[in-house]
C-alpha atoms as a PDB file:
ATOM      1  CA  MET A   1       0.168  -0.120  -0.045  1.00  0.00           C
ATOM      2  CA  HIS A   2       1.462   3.421  -1.144  1.00  0.00           C
ATOM      3  CA  PRO A   3       5.033   2.551  -0.968  1.00  0.00           C
ATOM      4  CA  ASP A   4       5.650   6.441  -1.229  1.00  0.00           C
ATOM      5  CA  ALA A   5       3.671   6.632   1.762  1.00  0.00           C
ATOM      6  CA  GLU A   6       3.935  10.418   3.293  1.00  0.00           C
ATOM      7  CA  ARG A   7       2.382  12.748   5.615  1.00  0.00           C
ATOM      8  CA  LYS A   8      -0.575  14.378   4.120  1.00  0.00           C
ATOM      9  CA  THR A   9      -2.370  17.357   5.454  1.00  0.00           C
ATOM     10  CA  VAL A  10      -6.000  17.910   5.172  1.00  0.00           C
ATOM     11  CA  ASP A  11      -6.854  20.952   2.778  1.00  0.00           C
ATOM     12  CA  ALA A  12      -8.522  23.530   4.725  1.00  0.00           C
ATOM     13  CA  SER A  13      -9.996  24.584   1.504  1.00  0.00           C
ATOM     14  CA  VAL A  14     -12.150  21.641   1.399  1.00  0.00           C
ATOM     15  CA  SER A  15     -14.933  22.139   3.795  1.00  0.00           C
ATOM     16  CA  ALA A  16     -16.461  18.727   3.541  1.00  0.00           C
ATOM     17  CA  PRO A  17     -14.021  16.160   2.535  1.00  0.00           C
ATOM     18  CA  VAL A  18     -15.727  13.075   4.130  1.00  0.00           C
ATOM     19  CA  SER A  19     -18.347  10.500   3.017  1.00  0.00           C
ATOM     20  CA  ALA A  20     -20.172   9.046   5.693  1.00  0.00           C
ATOM     21  CA  ILE A  21     -21.629   5.625   5.359  1.00  0.00           C
ATOM     22  CA  VAL A  22     -24.226   3.930   7.378  1.00  0.00           C
ATOM     23  CA  VAL A  23     -25.490   0.543   6.789  1.00  0.00           C
ATOM     24  CA  SER A  24     -28.804  -0.180   8.104  1.00  0.00           C
ATOM     25  CA  TYR A  25     -30.607  -3.526   8.867  1.00  0.00           C
ATOM     26  CA  PHE A  26     -34.088  -3.212  10.698  1.00  0.00           C
ATOM     27  CA  THR A  27     -32.327  -0.427  13.178  1.00  0.00           C
ATOM     28  CA  GLY A  28     -35.455   1.163  14.331  1.00  0.00           C
ATOM     29  CA  PRO A  29     -35.768   4.622  15.733  1.00  0.00           C
ATOM     30  CA  LEU A  30     -32.109   5.244  16.614  1.00  0.00           C
ATOM     31  CA  LEU A  31     -31.140   5.470  13.004  1.00  0.00           C
ATOM     32  CA  ALA A  32     -32.357   9.007  12.898  1.00  0.00           C
ATOM     33  CA  ARG A  33     -30.108   9.864  15.828  1.00  0.00           C
ATOM     34  CA  SER A  34     -27.225   8.479  14.121  1.00  0.00           C
ATOM     35  CA  ILE A  35     -27.900  10.374  11.026  1.00  0.00           C
ATOM     36  CA  GLU A  36     -28.577  13.332  13.144  1.00  0.00           C
ATOM     37  CA  SER A  37     -25.022  13.042  14.688  1.00  0.00           C
ATOM     38  CA  LEU A  38     -23.596  12.729  11.242  1.00  0.00           C
ATOM     39  CA  LYS A  39     -25.250  16.196  10.046  1.00  0.00           C
ATOM     40  CA  ALA A  40     -23.769  17.776  13.030  1.00  0.00           C
ATOM     41  CA  GLN A  41     -20.451  17.393  11.601  1.00  0.00           C
ATOM     42  CA  PRO A  42     -19.499  20.162   9.265  1.00  0.00           C
ATOM     43  CA  GLU A  43     -16.790  18.339   7.507  1.00  0.00           C
ATOM     44  CA  ILE A  44     -19.152  15.586   6.181  1.00  0.00           C
ATOM     45  CA  GLY A  45     -20.369  16.401   2.647  1.00  0.00           C
ATOM     46  CA  GLU A  46     -22.419  13.643   1.907  1.00  0.00           C
ATOM     47  CA  ILE A  47     -24.109  10.746   4.059  1.00  0.00           C
ATOM     48  CA  ILE A  48     -24.477   7.553   2.406  1.00  0.00           C
ATOM     49  CA  LEU A  49     -26.981   5.433   3.945  1.00  0.00           C
ATOM     50  CA  VAL A  50     -27.120   1.328   2.724  1.00  0.00           C
ATOM     51  CA  ASP A  51     -30.688   0.048   3.263  1.00  0.00           C
ATOM     52  CA  ASN A  52     -30.123  -3.760   3.572  1.00  0.00           C
ATOM     53  CA  GLY A  53     -33.763  -3.799   4.723  1.00  0.00           C
ATOM     54  CA  ASN A  54     -35.991  -1.950   7.175  1.00  0.00           C
ATOM     55  CA  PHE A  55     -39.166  -1.575   8.491  1.00  0.00           C
ATOM     56  CA  ALA A  56     -41.797   0.758   6.244  1.00  0.00           C
ATOM     57  CA  GLY A  57     -41.447   4.317   6.766  1.00  0.00           C
ATOM     58  CA  ASP A  58     -38.087   3.946   9.190  1.00  0.00           C
ATOM     59  CA  VAL A  59     -35.637   5.092   6.439  1.00  0.00           C
ATOM     60  CA  GLU A  60     -37.989   8.026   5.172  1.00  0.00           C
ATOM     61  CA  ARG A  61     -38.474   9.163   9.004  1.00  0.00           C
ATOM     62  CA  ALA A  62     -34.611   9.126   9.658  1.00  0.00           C
ATOM     63  CA  THR A  63     -33.470  11.056   6.264  1.00  0.00           C
ATOM     64  CA  ALA A  64     -36.201  13.507   7.124  1.00  0.00           C
ATOM     65  CA  VAL A  65     -34.345  14.525   9.822  1.00  0.00           C
ATOM     66  CA  ASP A  66     -34.870  18.440  10.401  1.00  0.00           C
ATOM     67  CA  ALA A  67     -31.471  19.737  10.672  1.00  0.00           C
ATOM     68  CA  PRO A  68     -29.073  21.405   8.698  1.00  0.00           C
ATOM     69  CA  GLY A  69     -25.840  19.302   7.239  1.00  0.00           C
ATOM     70  CA  ALA A  70     -25.084  16.803   4.668  1.00  0.00           C
ATOM     71  CA  PRO A  71     -27.448  15.653   2.274  1.00  0.00           C
ATOM     72  CA  VAL A  72     -28.311  11.805   2.707  1.00  0.00           C
ATOM     73  CA  LYS A  73     -28.147   9.308  -0.366  1.00  0.00           C
ATOM     74  CA  VAL A  74     -30.279   6.119   0.101  1.00  0.00           C
ATOM     75  CA  LEU A  75     -28.995   3.032  -1.563  1.00  0.00           C
ATOM     76  CA  ALA A  76     -31.622   0.450  -1.536  1.00  0.00           C
ATOM     77  CA  GLY A  77     -33.481  -2.172  -3.539  1.00  0.00           C
ATOM     78  CA  HIS A  78     -30.291  -4.741  -3.335  1.00  0.00           C
ATOM     79  CA  GLY A  79     -31.601  -6.632  -0.242  1.00  0.00           C
ATOM     80  CA  ASN A  80     -29.743  -7.731   2.628  1.00  0.00           C
ATOM     81  CA  ILE A  81     -26.222  -8.516   1.186  1.00  0.00           C
ATOM     82  CA  GLY A  82     -24.411  -8.331   4.646  1.00  0.00           C
ATOM     83  CA  PHE A  83     -22.442  -5.764   6.396  1.00  0.00           C
ATOM     84  CA  ALA A  84     -19.142  -6.080   4.490  1.00  0.00           C
ATOM     85  CA  ALA A  85     -20.900  -5.806   0.996  1.00  0.00           C
ATOM     86  CA  ALA A  86     -22.546  -2.918   1.899  1.00  0.00           C
ATOM     87  CA  CYS A  87     -19.961  -1.240   3.413  1.00  0.00           C
ATOM     88  CA  ASN A  88     -18.065  -1.780   0.049  1.00  0.00           C
ATOM     89  CA  LYS A  89     -21.371  -0.511  -1.929  1.00  0.00           C
ATOM     90  CA  GLY A  90     -21.563   2.878   0.082  1.00  0.00           C
ATOM     91  CA  ALA A  91     -17.740   3.295  -0.555  1.00  0.00           C
ATOM     92  CA  ALA A  92     -18.180   2.608  -4.353  1.00  0.00           C
ATOM     93  CA  ALA A  93     -20.998   5.595  -4.450  1.00  0.00           C
ATOM     94  CA  ALA A  94     -18.919   7.621  -2.009  1.00  0.00           C
ATOM     95  CA  ALA A  95     -17.235  10.997  -3.382  1.00  0.00           C
ATOM     96  CA  GLY A  96     -15.170  12.118  -0.246  1.00  0.00           C
ATOM     97  CA  GLU A  97     -11.583  11.845   0.037  1.00  0.00           C
ATOM     98  CA  TYR A  98     -12.210  10.383   3.343  1.00  0.00           C
ATOM     99  CA  LEU A  99     -14.726   7.411   4.517  1.00  0.00           C
ATOM    100  CA  LEU A 100     -16.106   7.493   8.079  1.00  0.00           C
ATOM    101  CA  PHE A 101     -18.304   4.511   8.830  1.00  0.00           C
ATOM    102  CA  LEU A 102     -20.821   4.646  11.253  1.00  0.00           C
ATOM    103  CA  ASN A 103     -23.135   2.022  12.876  1.00  0.00           C
ATOM    104  CA  PRO A 104     -26.604   2.625  12.348  1.00  0.00           C
ATOM    105  CA  ASP A 105     -27.096   2.657  16.398  1.00  0.00           C
ATOM    106  CA  ALA A 106     -24.185   4.690  16.993  1.00  0.00           C
ATOM    107  CA  MET A 107     -23.775   8.338  17.725  1.00  0.00           C
ATOM    108  CA  ILE A 108     -20.401  10.303  17.263  1.00  0.00           C
ATOM    109  CA  CYS A 109     -19.636  13.388  19.312  1.00  0.00           C
ATOM    110  CA  GLU A 110     -19.941  16.773  18.682  1.00  0.00           C
ATOM    111  CA  GLY A 111     -16.651  17.878  16.474  1.00  0.00           C
ATOM    112  CA  GLY A 112     -15.656  14.267  16.521  1.00  0.00           C
ATOM    113  CA  VAL A 113     -14.897  14.258  12.606  1.00  0.00           C
ATOM    114  CA  ALA A 114     -12.889  17.435  12.586  1.00  0.00           C
ATOM    115  CA  ARG A 115     -10.746  15.765  15.736  1.00  0.00           C
ATOM    116  CA  LEU A 116     -10.222  12.589  13.317  1.00  0.00           C
ATOM    117  CA  LEU A 117      -9.261  14.437  10.472  1.00  0.00           C
ATOM    118  CA  ARG A 118      -6.717  16.680  12.492  1.00  0.00           C
ATOM    119  CA  ASP A 119      -5.258  13.903  14.049  1.00  0.00           C
ATOM    120  CA  GLY A 120      -5.164  11.609  10.968  1.00  0.00           C
ATOM    121  CA  ALA A 121      -3.348  14.489   9.157  1.00  0.00           C
ATOM    122  CA  GLU A 122      -0.169  14.046  11.672  1.00  0.00           C
ATOM    123  CA  LEU A 123       0.149  10.181  10.692  1.00  0.00           C
ATOM    124  CA  GLU A 124       2.023   8.595   8.090  1.00  0.00           C
ATOM    125  CA  ARG A 125      -0.260   7.120   5.423  1.00  0.00           C
ATOM    126  CA  PRO A 126      -1.763   4.754   4.980  1.00  0.00           C
ATOM    127  CA  TRP A 127      -3.917   4.902   8.249  1.00  0.00           C
ATOM    128  CA  LEU A 128      -6.999   3.897   9.896  1.00  0.00           C
ATOM    129  CA  MET A 129      -8.410   5.493  12.891  1.00  0.00           C
ATOM    130  CA  GLY A 130     -11.258   4.146  15.531  1.00  0.00           C
ATOM    131  CA  ALA A 131     -12.976   6.077  18.132  1.00  0.00           C
ATOM    132  CA  ARG A 132     -13.544   5.094  21.629  1.00  0.00           C
ATOM    133  CA  LEU A 133     -16.966   3.612  21.636  1.00  0.00           C
ATOM    134  CA  LEU A 134     -19.209   4.363  24.895  1.00  0.00           C
ATOM    135  CA  GLU A 135     -22.057   2.420  26.588  1.00  0.00           C
ATOM    136  CA  PRO A 136     -24.984   4.641  27.054  1.00  0.00           C
ATOM    137  CA  ASP A 137     -24.029   4.830  30.511  1.00  0.00           C
ATOM    138  CA  GLY A 138     -20.622   6.349  29.614  1.00  0.00           C
ATOM    139  CA  ASN A 139     -18.187   3.329  30.112  1.00  0.00           C
ATOM    140  CA  GLU A 140     -15.881   1.955  27.569  1.00  0.00           C
ATOM    141  CA  GLN A 141     -17.343  -0.367  25.448  1.00  0.00           C
ATOM    142  CA  ARG A 142     -16.324  -3.978  24.928  1.00  0.00           C
ATOM    143  CA  GLY A 143     -14.731  -4.220  21.370  1.00  0.00           C
ATOM    144  CA  SER A 144     -13.578  -0.385  21.440  1.00  0.00           C
ATOM    145  CA  ARG A 145     -10.004  -1.366  21.338  1.00  0.00           C
ATOM    146  CA  ARG A 146      -8.840  -5.016  20.816  1.00  0.00           C
ATOM    147  CA  ALA A 147      -5.688  -7.024  20.553  1.00  0.00           C
ATOM    148  CA  THR A 148      -4.744  -9.275  17.469  1.00  0.00           C
ATOM    149  CA  LEU A 149      -7.556 -12.230  17.653  1.00  0.00           C
ATOM    150  CA  THR A 150      -5.565 -15.610  17.223  1.00  0.00           C
ATOM    151  CA  PRO A 151      -7.120 -18.895  17.288  1.00  0.00           C
ATOM    152  CA  TRP A 152      -5.373 -19.180  20.770  1.00  0.00           C
ATOM    153  CA  ARG A 153      -7.086 -16.019  21.992  1.00  0.00           C
ATOM    154  CA  ALA A 154     -10.476 -17.246  20.682  1.00  0.00           C
ATOM    155  CA  PHE A 155      -9.902 -20.576  22.701  1.00  0.00           C
ATOM    156  CA  VAL A 156      -9.343 -18.893  25.803  1.00  0.00           C
ATOM    157  CA  GLU A 157     -12.155 -16.861  25.168  1.00  0.00           C
ATOM    158  CA  ALA A 158     -14.456 -19.586  24.514  1.00  0.00           C
ATOM    159  CA  THR A 159     -13.339 -21.757  27.362  1.00  0.00           C
ATOM    160  CA  LYS A 160     -12.826 -18.874  29.686  1.00  0.00           C
ATOM    161  CA  LEU A 161      -9.466 -20.020  30.460  1.00  0.00           C
ATOM    162  CA  TYR A 162      -8.753 -16.539  31.322  1.00  0.00           C
ATOM    163  CA  ARG A 163     -10.107 -17.064  34.689  1.00  0.00           C
ATOM    164  CA  LEU A 164      -7.197 -19.481  35.550  1.00  0.00           C
ATOM    165  CA  ALA A 165      -4.614 -16.437  35.517  1.00  0.00           C
ATOM    166  CA  PRO A 166      -6.151 -13.276  34.274  1.00  0.00           C
ATOM    167  CA  ARG A 167      -2.760 -11.438  34.481  1.00  0.00           C
ATOM    168  CA  HIS A 168      -0.583 -13.935  32.449  1.00  0.00           C
ATOM    169  CA  PRO A 169       0.283 -12.867  28.948  1.00  0.00           C
ATOM    170  CA  TYR A 170      -0.693 -16.229  27.792  1.00  0.00           C
ATOM    171  CA  PHE A 171      -4.383 -15.893  29.064  1.00  0.00           C
ATOM    172  CA  ARG A 172      -4.803 -12.084  28.139  1.00  0.00           C
ATOM    173  CA  ARG A 173      -7.927 -11.501  26.554  1.00  0.00           C
ATOM    174  CA  PHE A 174      -8.996 -10.328  23.280  1.00  0.00           C
ATOM    175  CA  ASN A 175     -10.704  -7.024  24.322  1.00  0.00           C
ATOM    176  CA  LEU A 176      -8.729  -4.030  25.905  1.00  0.00           C
ATOM    177  CA  HIS A 177     -11.547  -1.972  27.065  1.00  0.00           C
ATOM    178  CA  THR A 178     -11.062  -3.024  30.958  1.00  0.00           C
ATOM    179  CA  ASP A 179      -7.075  -1.757  30.573  1.00  0.00           C
ATOM    180  CA  GLU A 180      -6.477   1.867  31.535  1.00  0.00           C
ATOM    181  CA  CYS A 181      -7.527   3.984  28.783  1.00  0.00           C
ATOM    182  CA  PRO A 182      -4.775   5.666  26.852  1.00  0.00           C
ATOM    183  CA  SER A 183      -4.554   9.472  27.272  1.00  0.00           C
ATOM    184  CA  ASP A 184      -3.422   9.899  23.489  1.00  0.00           C
ATOM    185  CA  ILE A 185      -3.469   8.358  20.134  1.00  0.00           C
ATOM    186  CA  VAL A 186      -2.138   4.736  20.312  1.00  0.00           C
ATOM    187  CA  ARG A 187      -1.442   1.999  17.624  1.00  0.00           C
ATOM    188  CA  ALA A 188      -4.071  -0.759  18.296  1.00  0.00           C
ATOM    189  CA  PRO A 189      -3.792  -4.188  16.418  1.00  0.00           C
ATOM    190  CA  THR A 190      -7.853  -4.212  16.178  1.00  0.00           C
ATOM    191  CA  ILE A 191     -10.530  -1.395  16.516  1.00  0.00           C
ATOM    192  CA  SER A 192     -14.251  -1.663  15.758  1.00  0.00           C
ATOM    193  CA  GLY A 193     -16.314  -1.269  12.816  1.00  0.00           C
ATOM    194  CA  ALA A 194     -18.867   0.685  14.515  1.00  0.00           C
ATOM    195  CA  CYS A 195     -17.300   3.992  14.103  1.00  0.00           C
ATOM    196  CA  PHE A 196     -13.851   4.626  11.949  1.00  0.00           C
ATOM    197  CA  ILE A 197     -11.997   6.794   9.277  1.00  0.00           C
ATOM    198  CA  THR A 198      -9.769   6.259   6.693  1.00  0.00           C
ATOM    199  CA  PRO A 199      -8.735   7.802   3.471  1.00  0.00           C
ATOM    200  CA  ARG A 200     -10.552   6.418   0.797  1.00  0.00           C
ATOM    201  CA  ALA A 201      -7.462   5.631  -1.106  1.00  0.00           C
ATOM    202  CA  ASP A 202      -6.314   3.455   1.547  1.00  0.00           C
ATOM    203  CA  TYR A 203      -9.562   1.819   1.865  1.00  0.00           C
ATOM    204  CA  ASP A 204      -9.452   1.113  -1.953  1.00  0.00           C
ATOM    205  CA  ALA A 205      -6.050  -0.226  -1.900  1.00  0.00           C
ATOM    206  CA  ILE A 206      -6.814  -3.433   0.098  1.00  0.00           C
ATOM    207  CA  GLY A 207      -9.996  -3.972  -1.910  1.00  0.00           C
ATOM    208  CA  GLY A 208     -12.403  -2.643   1.068  1.00  0.00           C
ATOM    209  CA  MET A 209     -14.071  -5.024   3.088  1.00  0.00           C
ATOM    210  CA  ASP A 210     -13.825  -8.916   2.347  1.00  0.00           C
ATOM    211  CA  GLU A 211     -17.229  -9.872   1.297  1.00  0.00           C
ATOM    212  CA  ARG A 212     -16.603 -13.460   2.212  1.00  0.00           C
ATOM    213  CA  TYR A 213     -17.934 -12.008   5.925  1.00  0.00           C
ATOM    214  CA  PHE A 214     -21.471 -11.623   6.149  1.00  0.00           C
ATOM    215  CA  LEU A 215     -21.607 -10.181   9.538  1.00  0.00           C
ATOM    216  CA  HIS A 216     -19.318  -9.819  12.191  1.00  0.00           C
ATOM    217  CA  VAL A 217     -15.613 -10.418  12.212  1.00  0.00           C
ATOM    218  CA  GLU A 218     -15.217  -8.489   8.639  1.00  0.00           C
ATOM    219  CA  ASP A 219     -13.828  -5.633  10.899  1.00  0.00           C
ATOM    220  CA  ILE A 220     -11.258  -7.777  12.655  1.00  0.00           C
ATOM    221  CA  ASP A 221     -10.174  -9.322   9.187  1.00  0.00           C
ATOM    222  CA  PHE A 222      -9.897  -5.678   7.833  1.00  0.00           C
ATOM    223  CA  CYS A 223      -7.598  -4.576  10.369  1.00  0.00           C
ATOM    224  CA  LEU A 224      -5.090  -7.428  10.000  1.00  0.00           C
ATOM    225  CA  ARG A 225      -5.167  -7.131   6.132  1.00  0.00           C
ATOM    226  CA  PHE A 226      -4.799  -3.445   6.423  1.00  0.00           C
ATOM    227  CA  ALA A 227      -1.898  -3.891   9.014  1.00  0.00           C
ATOM    228  CA  LYS A 228      -0.228  -6.757   6.841  1.00  0.00           C
ATOM    229  CA  ALA A 229      -0.234  -4.329   3.946  1.00  0.00           C
ATOM    230  CA  GLY A 230       1.902  -1.460   5.748  1.00  0.00           C
ATOM    231  CA  GLY A 231      -0.740   0.264   7.155  1.00  0.00           C
ATOM    232  CA  GLY A 232      -1.334   1.711  10.786  1.00  0.00           C
ATOM    233  CA  VAL A 233      -4.238   1.113  12.613  1.00  0.00           C
ATOM    234  CA  TYR A 234      -5.006   3.530  15.575  1.00  0.00           C
ATOM    235  CA  PHE A 235      -7.469   4.141  18.422  1.00  0.00           C
ATOM    236  CA  ASN A 236      -8.329   7.407  19.336  1.00  0.00           C
ATOM    237  CA  PRO A 237      -9.509   8.271  22.777  1.00  0.00           C
ATOM    238  CA  HIS A 238     -10.262  11.857  22.197  1.00  0.00           C
ATOM    239  CA  VAL A 239     -13.384  11.201  19.764  1.00  0.00           C
ATOM    240  CA  THR A 240     -16.347   9.234  21.126  1.00  0.00           C
ATOM    241  CA  ALA A 241     -19.386   7.512  19.869  1.00  0.00           C
ATOM    242  CA  THR A 242     -21.910   6.138  21.916  1.00  0.00           C
ATOM    243  CA  HIS A 243     -22.802   2.722  20.667  1.00  0.00           C
ATOM    244  CA  PHE A 244     -26.436   1.242  21.821  1.00  0.00           C
ATOM    245  CA  ARG A 245     -25.923  -1.998  20.064  1.00  0.00           C
ATOM    246  CA  HIS A 246     -28.173  -4.779  19.706  1.00  0.00           C
ATOM    247  CA  SER A 247     -31.028  -2.529  18.082  1.00  0.00           C
ATOM    248  CA  SER A 248     -31.494  -4.595  15.194  1.00  0.00           C
ATOM    249  CA  ARG A 249     -34.582  -6.907  15.280  1.00  0.00           C
ATOM    250  CA  ALA A 250     -32.604  -9.533  13.494  1.00  0.00           C
ATOM    251  CA  ASN A 251     -32.550 -13.103  14.898  1.00  0.00           C
ATOM    252  CA  PRO A 252     -29.564 -13.404  17.564  1.00  0.00           C
ATOM    253  CA  VAL A 253     -29.056 -16.726  17.072  1.00  0.00           C
ATOM    254  CA  ARG A 254     -28.550 -16.274  13.279  1.00  0.00           C
ATOM    255  CA  ILE A 255     -26.160 -13.618  14.075  1.00  0.00           C
ATOM    256  CA  GLU A 256     -24.198 -15.743  16.456  1.00  0.00           C
ATOM    257  CA  ALA A 257     -24.050 -18.610  13.660  1.00  0.00           C
ATOM    258  CA  ARG A 258     -22.674 -16.052  11.089  1.00  0.00           C
ATOM    259  CA  LYS A 259     -20.266 -14.870  13.775  1.00  0.00           C
ATOM    260  CA  THR A 260     -19.072 -18.398  14.520  1.00  0.00           C
ATOM    261  CA  ALA A 261     -18.748 -19.360  11.018  1.00  0.00           C
ATOM    262  CA  GLY A 262     -16.748 -16.123  10.270  1.00  0.00           C
ATOM    263  CA  LEU A 263     -14.047 -16.478  12.783  1.00  0.00           C
ATOM    264  CA  ILE A 264     -13.482 -19.862  11.482  1.00  0.00           C
ATOM    265  CA  ARG A 265     -12.990 -18.617   8.343  1.00  0.00           C
ATOM    266  CA  TYR A 266     -10.733 -15.822   9.480  1.00  0.00           C
ATOM    267  CA  PHE A 267      -8.538 -18.340  11.262  1.00  0.00           C
ATOM    268  CA  ASN A 268      -8.224 -20.674   8.300  1.00  0.00           C
ATOM    269  CA  THR A 269      -7.540 -17.707   5.965  1.00  0.00           C
ATOM    270  CA  HIS A 270      -4.658 -16.174   8.240  1.00  0.00           C
ATOM    271  CA  PHE A 271      -3.529 -18.726  10.551  1.00  0.00           C
ATOM    272  CA  SER A 272      -3.442 -21.933   8.831  1.00  0.00           C
ATOM    273  CA  ASP A 273       0.312 -21.918   8.234  1.00  0.00           C
ATOM    274  CA  ALA A 274       1.123 -20.644  11.938  1.00  0.00           C
ATOM    275  CA  TYR A 275      -1.149 -23.149  13.709  1.00  0.00           C
ATOM    276  CA  PRO A 276      -1.142 -26.636  13.517  1.00  0.00           C
ATOM    277  CA  ARG A 277      -4.614 -28.036  11.503  1.00  0.00           C
ATOM    278  CA  PRO A 278      -5.609 -30.208  14.553  1.00  0.00           C
ATOM    279  CA  PHE A 279      -5.395 -26.974  17.032  1.00  0.00           C
ATOM    280  CA  LEU A 280      -7.428 -25.039  14.584  1.00  0.00           C
ATOM    281  CA  TRP A 281     -10.081 -28.093  14.347  1.00  0.00           C
ATOM    282  CA  LEU A 282     -10.220 -27.842  18.465  1.00  0.00           C
ATOM    283  CA  ALA A 283     -10.773 -24.052  18.442  1.00  0.00           C
ATOM    284  CA  ALA A 284     -13.567 -24.539  16.029  1.00  0.00           C
ATOM    285  CA  GLY A 285     -14.888 -26.975  18.129  1.00  0.00           C
ATOM    286  CA  ALA A 286     -14.805 -24.563  20.952  1.00  0.00           C
ATOM    287  CA  LEU A 287     -16.628 -22.043  19.012  1.00  0.00           C
ATOM    288  CA  TRP A 288     -19.270 -24.049  17.881  1.00  0.00           C
ATOM    289  CA  ALA A 289     -20.043 -25.902  21.311  1.00  0.00           C
ATOM    290  CA  SER A 290     -20.257 -22.318  22.938  1.00  0.00           C
ATOM    291  CA  PHE A 291     -22.709 -21.171  20.026  1.00  0.00           C
ATOM    292  CA  GLY A 292     -24.562 -24.497  21.046  1.00  0.00           C
ATOM    293  CA  LEU A 293     -24.993 -23.671  24.830  1.00  0.00           C
ATOM    294  CA  LEU A 294     -26.073 -20.135  23.436  1.00  0.00           C
ATOM    295  CA  VAL A 295     -28.803 -21.886  21.490  1.00  0.00           C
ATOM    296  CA  ILE A 296     -29.634 -23.871  24.645  1.00  0.00           C
ATOM    297  CA  ARG A 297     -29.911 -21.004  26.817  1.00  0.00           C
ATOM    298  CA  ARG A 298     -32.074 -18.887  24.182  1.00  0.00           C
ATOM    299  CA  GLY A 299     -34.406 -22.055  23.862  1.00  0.00           C
ATOM    300  CA  ILE A 300     -34.813 -22.131  27.781  1.00  0.00           C
ATOM    301  CA  GLY A 301     -35.460 -18.586  27.733  1.00  0.00           C
ATOM    302  CA  LYS A 302     -37.854 -18.605  25.011  1.00  0.00           C
ATOM    303  CA  ALA A 303     -39.758 -21.253  26.947  1.00  0.00           C
ATOM    304  CA  LEU A 304     -39.914 -19.121  30.179  1.00  0.00           C
ATOM    305  CA  ARG A 305     -41.232 -16.085  28.305  1.00  0.00           C
ATOM    306  CA  LEU A 306     -43.876 -18.588  26.586  1.00  0.00           C
ATOM    307  CA  VAL A 307     -45.293 -19.328  30.176  1.00  0.00           C
ATOM    308  CA  GLY A 308     -44.889 -15.769  31.158  1.00  0.00           C
ATOM    309  CA  LEU A 309     -41.746 -16.134  33.793  1.00  0.00           C
ATOM    310  CA  ARG A 310     -39.398 -14.066  31.808  1.00  0.00           C
ATOM    311  CA  ARG A 311     -40.044 -10.844  29.850  1.00  0.00           C
ATOM    312  CA  ARG A 312     -39.049 -10.555  26.081  1.00  0.00           C
ATOM    313  CA  ALA A 313     -35.287 -10.390  25.018  1.00  0.00           C
ATOM    314  CA  GLY A 314     -34.350  -7.155  23.923  1.00  0.00           C
ATOM    315  CA  GLY A 315     -37.488  -5.473  25.687  1.00  0.00           C
ATOM    316  CA  ARG A 316     -35.048  -3.005  27.636  1.00  0.00           C
ATOM    317  CA  GLY A 317     -33.201  -1.981  24.554  1.00  0.00           C
ATOM    318  CA  LEU A 318     -36.432  -0.993  22.503  1.00  0.00           C
ATOM    319  CA  LYS A 319     -37.696   0.691  25.121  1.00  0.00           C
ATOM    320  CA  ARG A 320     -34.538   2.791  25.565  1.00  0.00           C
ATOM    321  CA  ALA A 321     -34.283   3.419  21.632  1.00  0.00           C
ATOM    322  CA  ARG A 322     -38.056   4.691  21.873  1.00  0.00           C
ATOM    323  CA  ALA A 323     -37.404   7.019  24.766  1.00  0.00           C
ATOM    324  CA  LEU A 324     -34.549   8.647  23.023  1.00  0.00           C
ATOM    325  CA  SER A 325     -36.854   8.815  19.872  1.00  0.00           C
ATOM    326  CA  ALA A 326     -39.570  10.688  21.742  1.00  0.00           C
ATOM    327  CA  ARG A 327     -37.061  12.939  23.549  1.00  0.00           C
ATOM    328  CA  ARG A 328     -35.755  13.906  19.988  1.00  0.00           C
ATOM    329  CA  SER A 329     -39.105  14.537  18.597  1.00  0.00           C
ATOM    330  CA  ALA A 330     -40.215  16.673  21.641  1.00  0.00           C
ATOM    331  CA  ARG A 331     -37.105  18.941  20.867  1.00  0.00           C
END
């Protein structure tokens, strides 16, 4: 990537050099809040909403946000093509020099894009920068900054071996959000796909997201390929994005099945030469066993809900999203 890499300064005469890309799949009322947060960023020249499928009227309501800012271009009619393919579809339609990807249930902080551009201008190309993800209560979210995901780390997570010796380097966990937050920009092996920015040329140089991943793991794969190609992956603690998660009404079991399949594909793609094949089989077995336990727990939970002993899963999240939407409408 860019063998003639050089420091690049953002041209101050270009007032809106960023194309923001949002991929939505039955997101609900939080989609409007996400777009509203993007419209408040003057550095964004266009917002590209890739509609993988939504309830009737949701996209129209979200794009009708009564706020000044970048226009919204909707790409629709292609069905649910998956997150990675939708990101690439949005990038192909973008006109900006920089691409900002934001989850439809996330809101970037005021002035966040300006800070990302300013800090990115100090980095050597190619670069990729992620924001600090926050839970609605203000705590740093899991997945905000992460180590390199290896088959061993996945095995440690799936089997919970980290409980044996949490401080031992061999049992170090994948997610780093419980570590002390850095005071300034640092290199991070893996950042979250929920909110990140990169020069468009750098995104294109490695072919964008790998569309073999339908949902989940594509951002982990993207960061590893980006670093292997000579790029720098950075975590920026100065820019935050509140991420609500689990806002989509997609089937959680199907989501976990795709995540598990994606992890196994990722390991076979990047670590087949570094790990013995039997260990990769063992890691895959542990992952599918973990998925099986999830299916059993959800089956028990569904049975309890049918007899009225447990509330519907996701009810609190949906209630929170509706409350946020109501407050926005009341302003």
